[in-house]
Amino acid sequence: MTPQEALTALQSEADATRAADLATRFGAGDYIGVAPARLEEIARQWRQDVAFPDRLELARALWEANTHEARLMAAKLLTQARIKDDADIWAQICTWIEQADTWAQIDALGAAGGRRIAVDLSRMATVHALAASERSLDRRAALILSTPLAKLAHPSKDELNAIDDVLFWLTHALQDADKDVARAADTWVRALGKHDGKRAKMVRRVVELRKSDG
């Protein structure tokens, strides 16, 4: 599949009304208006049809096309649990996080990157750096990238250590001035609370104490 063929396929799904709604939500940009469920269906098929390394090159071309759906598709093409020799993919995701300009792009990249972290916890160093960023999109990226940790029902010792490292700054994320960051933090804690109520309650308690102290 060539990049032009991929873009043509996305354009065939165009919905002007949805595109207008996206422009209202995210601001000026190029929107096709593909429904999220349909975009996921297409991504699932393309992941089957295009193997690496060609898939990475296709994803790069789609990202550079700089339309909303093309960038989301670029991230979705890299969203896969098992990928052999994934260093280039992780590096590309990190680069795109720096370039992303909407929370929708960040969330798609976070979903892809979270799978890469799952196979190499040393990549959490990047997450902690993003959490300390002045850019709100970076702070949201840190939360989305690390959300798979919050969902682990039976984490290993190393995974528990990684979770505790997130909790170190998560209380601040819950009080972030950017509502999209704070909401992502709340989702993180709720995911954790489904199987680790003790840690989730501790996080909430720290925030409440901080509020009461003014």
Protein backbone atom coordinates (compact mmCIF):
# COMPACT_ATOMS: atom_id res chain seq x y z
CA MET A 1 0.00 0.00 0.00
CA THR A 2 1.37 3.41 -0.97
CA PRO A 3 0.83 6.54 1.14
CA GLN A 4 -1.36 8.00 -1.61
CA GLU A 5 -3.52 4.88 -1.66
CA ALA A 6 -3.89 5.12 2.11
CA LEU A 7 -4.85 8.80 1.98
CA THR A 8 -7.34 8.13 -0.82
CA ALA A 9 -8.92 5.39 1.28
CA LEU A 10 -9.29 7.76 4.21
CA GLN A 11 -10.74 10.48 2.00
CA SER A 12 -13.36 8.01 0.75
CA GLU A 13 -14.72 7.92 4.32
CA ALA A 14 -15.11 11.72 4.48
CA ASP A 15 -17.99 13.19 6.47
CA ALA A 16 -18.20 16.99 6.17
CA THR A 17 -20.42 17.37 9.23
CA ARG A 18 -18.09 15.36 11.43
CA ALA A 19 -15.10 17.25 10.02
CA ALA A 20 -16.72 20.55 10.97
CA ASP A 21 -17.38 19.27 14.48
CA LEU A 22 -13.73 18.26 14.81
CA ALA A 23 -12.60 21.71 13.70
CA THR A 24 -14.81 23.23 16.38
CA ARG A 25 -13.35 20.91 19.01
CA PHE A 26 -9.67 21.05 18.09
CA GLY A 27 -9.30 24.32 16.20
CA ALA A 28 -7.91 25.12 12.78
CA GLY A 29 -6.62 22.14 10.85
CA ASP A 30 -7.30 19.63 8.11
CA TYR A 31 -10.06 17.16 9.01
CA ILE A 32 -11.60 14.37 6.95
CA GLY A 33 -14.33 13.36 9.39
CA VAL A 34 -13.83 9.60 9.67
CA ALA A 35 -15.79 8.08 12.55
CA PRO A 36 -13.50 6.72 15.30
CA ALA A 37 -14.91 3.20 15.09
CA ARG A 38 -14.40 3.15 11.35
CA LEU A 39 -10.86 4.48 11.69
CA GLU A 40 -10.09 1.63 14.08
CA GLU A 41 -11.55 -0.92 11.65
CA ILE A 42 -9.35 0.39 8.85
CA ALA A 43 -6.28 0.42 11.09
CA ARG A 44 -6.89 -3.17 12.12
CA GLN A 45 -7.01 -4.25 8.48
CA TRP A 46 -3.94 -2.27 7.48
CA ARG A 47 -1.95 -3.72 10.37
CA GLN A 48 -2.71 -7.14 8.91
CA ASP A 49 -1.95 -6.12 5.35
CA VAL A 50 1.30 -4.18 5.84
CA ALA A 51 4.24 -5.70 7.72
CA PHE A 52 7.19 -3.92 9.28
CA PRO A 53 9.38 -2.16 8.23
CA ASP A 54 7.04 -1.02 5.43
CA ARG A 55 4.34 -0.23 7.96
CA LEU A 56 6.60 2.21 9.79
CA GLU A 57 7.37 3.99 6.54
CA LEU A 58 3.66 4.17 5.72
CA ALA A 59 2.95 5.57 9.17
CA ARG A 60 5.64 8.22 8.73
CA ALA A 61 4.16 9.32 5.41
CA LEU A 62 0.68 9.54 6.91
CA TRP A 63 1.93 11.62 9.82
CA GLU A 64 3.64 14.03 7.46
CA ALA A 65 0.38 14.40 5.51
CA ASN A 66 -0.73 16.35 8.58
CA THR A 67 -4.46 15.72 8.46
CA HIS A 68 -6.21 14.80 11.70
CA GLU A 69 -7.20 11.30 10.63
CA ALA A 70 -3.90 10.57 8.88
CA ARG A 71 -1.98 11.34 12.05
CA LEU A 72 -4.31 9.22 14.14
CA MET A 73 -3.88 6.40 11.64
CA ALA A 74 -0.10 6.76 11.80
CA ALA A 75 -0.24 6.12 15.54
CA LYS A 76 -2.73 3.29 15.18
CA LEU A 77 -0.50 1.52 12.65
CA LEU A 78 2.14 1.30 15.38
CA THR A 79 -0.27 0.10 18.07
CA GLN A 80 0.63 -3.54 18.51
CA ALA A 81 1.57 -5.62 21.53
CA ARG A 82 4.39 -7.69 20.06
CA ILE A 83 6.85 -6.03 17.71
CA LYS A 84 10.34 -7.41 17.20
CA ASP A 85 13.19 -4.91 17.35
CA ASP A 86 10.95 -1.98 18.26
CA ALA A 87 13.59 0.66 19.08
CA ASP A 88 12.89 2.67 15.91
CA ILE A 89 9.16 2.53 16.58
CA TRP A 90 9.55 3.77 20.14
CA ALA A 91 11.83 6.58 18.96
CA GLN A 92 9.31 7.58 16.30
CA ILE A 93 6.45 7.67 18.78
CA CYS A 94 8.50 9.90 21.09
CA THR A 95 9.29 12.27 18.22
CA TRP A 96 5.64 12.48 17.24
CA ILE A 97 4.61 13.24 20.80
CA GLU A 98 6.80 16.35 20.55
CA GLN A 99 5.01 17.32 17.30
CA ALA A 100 1.43 16.46 18.28
CA ASP A 101 -0.88 19.43 18.66
CA THR A 102 -4.14 17.92 19.93
CA TRP A 103 -5.01 15.62 22.82
CA ALA A 104 -6.55 13.18 20.32
CA GLN A 105 -3.15 12.73 18.67
CA ILE A 106 -1.51 12.41 22.09
CA ASP A 107 -4.00 9.73 23.14
CA ALA A 108 -3.43 7.71 19.98
CA LEU A 109 0.33 7.95 20.39
CA GLY A 110 0.03 7.10 24.06
CA ALA A 111 -1.87 3.93 23.23
CA ALA A 112 0.90 2.92 20.83
CA GLY A 113 3.71 3.90 23.16
CA GLY A 114 2.20 2.22 26.19
CA ARG A 115 2.64 -1.13 24.50
CA ARG A 116 6.30 -0.39 23.91
CA ILE A 117 6.78 0.50 27.56
CA ALA A 118 5.14 -2.77 28.58
CA VAL A 119 8.02 -4.68 26.99
CA ASP A 120 10.75 -2.33 28.27
CA LEU A 121 10.12 -0.51 31.54
CA SER A 122 13.34 1.49 31.16
CA ARG A 123 11.32 3.65 28.77
CA MET A 124 9.44 5.01 31.78
CA ALA A 125 12.28 7.53 32.09
CA THR A 126 10.76 9.30 29.10
CA VAL A 127 7.35 9.25 30.78
CA HIS A 128 8.68 10.95 33.92
CA ALA A 129 10.36 13.63 31.81
CA LEU A 130 7.08 14.30 30.00
CA ALA A 131 5.24 14.51 33.33
CA ALA A 132 7.50 17.40 34.34
CA SER A 133 7.06 19.28 31.06
CA GLU A 134 5.61 22.77 30.91
CA ARG A 135 3.53 21.70 27.90
CA SER A 136 0.16 20.30 28.95
CA LEU A 137 0.05 17.88 26.00
CA ASP A 138 3.29 16.32 27.23
CA ARG A 139 1.87 15.90 30.72
CA ARG A 140 -1.20 14.20 29.30
CA ALA A 141 1.07 11.98 27.20
CA ALA A 142 2.85 10.83 30.36
CA LEU A 143 -0.47 9.67 31.79
CA ILE A 144 -1.70 7.92 28.66
CA LEU A 145 1.64 6.19 28.10
CA SER A 146 1.65 4.81 31.64
CA THR A 147 -2.05 3.91 31.88
CA PRO A 148 -1.40 0.23 31.02
CA LEU A 149 0.46 -0.01 34.33
CA ALA A 150 -2.64 1.16 36.17
CA LYS A 151 -4.66 -1.62 34.56
CA LEU A 152 -2.37 -4.49 35.60
CA ALA A 153 -4.29 -6.88 37.84
CA HIS A 154 -1.19 -8.79 38.93
CA PRO A 155 1.85 -6.54 38.45
CA SER A 156 5.35 -7.89 38.92
CA LYS A 157 7.74 -6.35 41.42
CA ASP A 158 9.29 -4.19 38.70
CA GLU A 159 5.85 -3.11 37.51
CA LEU A 160 4.82 -2.22 41.07
CA ASN A 161 7.93 -0.08 41.37
CA ALA A 162 7.02 1.62 38.10
CA ILE A 163 3.48 2.26 39.39
CA ASP A 164 4.84 3.80 42.60
CA ASP A 165 7.12 6.04 40.55
CA VAL A 166 4.05 7.34 38.70
CA LEU A 167 2.20 7.89 41.97
CA PHE A 168 5.03 10.21 43.03
CA TRP A 169 3.79 12.84 40.55
CA LEU A 170 0.24 11.67 39.93
CA THR A 171 -1.17 13.66 42.85
CA HIS A 172 -0.01 16.83 41.11
CA ALA A 173 -1.47 15.68 37.81
CA LEU A 174 -4.86 15.30 39.50
CA GLN A 175 -4.72 19.01 40.32
CA ASP A 176 -3.30 20.10 36.98
CA ALA A 177 -4.57 23.46 35.76
CA ASP A 178 -5.29 21.88 32.36
CA LYS A 179 -8.57 20.00 32.61
CA ASP A 180 -7.54 17.47 29.94
CA VAL A 181 -4.52 16.50 32.03
CA ALA A 182 -6.51 16.35 35.26
CA ARG A 183 -9.17 14.17 33.62
CA ALA A 184 -6.53 11.77 32.31
CA ALA A 185 -5.06 11.58 35.81
CA ASP A 186 -8.47 10.82 37.28
CA THR A 187 -8.96 8.05 34.72
CA TRP A 188 -5.55 6.65 35.71
CA VAL A 189 -6.49 6.50 39.38
CA ARG A 190 -9.89 4.95 38.67
CA ALA A 191 -8.20 2.24 36.57
CA LEU A 192 -5.78 1.55 39.41
CA GLY A 193 -8.60 1.46 41.96
CA LYS A 194 -10.32 -1.45 40.22
CA HIS A 195 -7.68 -3.85 41.54
CA ASP A 196 -5.50 -1.82 43.93
CA GLY A 197 -7.86 0.18 46.09
CA LYS A 198 -5.19 0.85 48.72
CA ARG A 199 -2.90 2.76 46.39
CA ALA A 200 -5.77 4.57 44.68
CA LYS A 201 -7.21 5.73 48.01
CA MET A 202 -3.77 6.86 49.14
CA VAL A 203 -3.46 9.08 46.07
CA ARG A 204 -6.89 10.62 46.63
CA ARG A 205 -6.07 11.17 50.30
CA VAL A 206 -2.86 13.03 49.51
CA VAL A 207 -4.76 15.35 47.18
CA GLU A 208 -7.44 16.02 49.80
CA LEU A 209 -4.82 16.80 52.44
CA ARG A 210 -3.08 19.17 50.06
CA LYS A 211 -6.37 20.96 49.38
CA SER A 212 -7.14 21.29 53.09
CA ASP A 213 -3.70 22.77 53.71
CA GLY A 214 -4.54 25.45 51.16
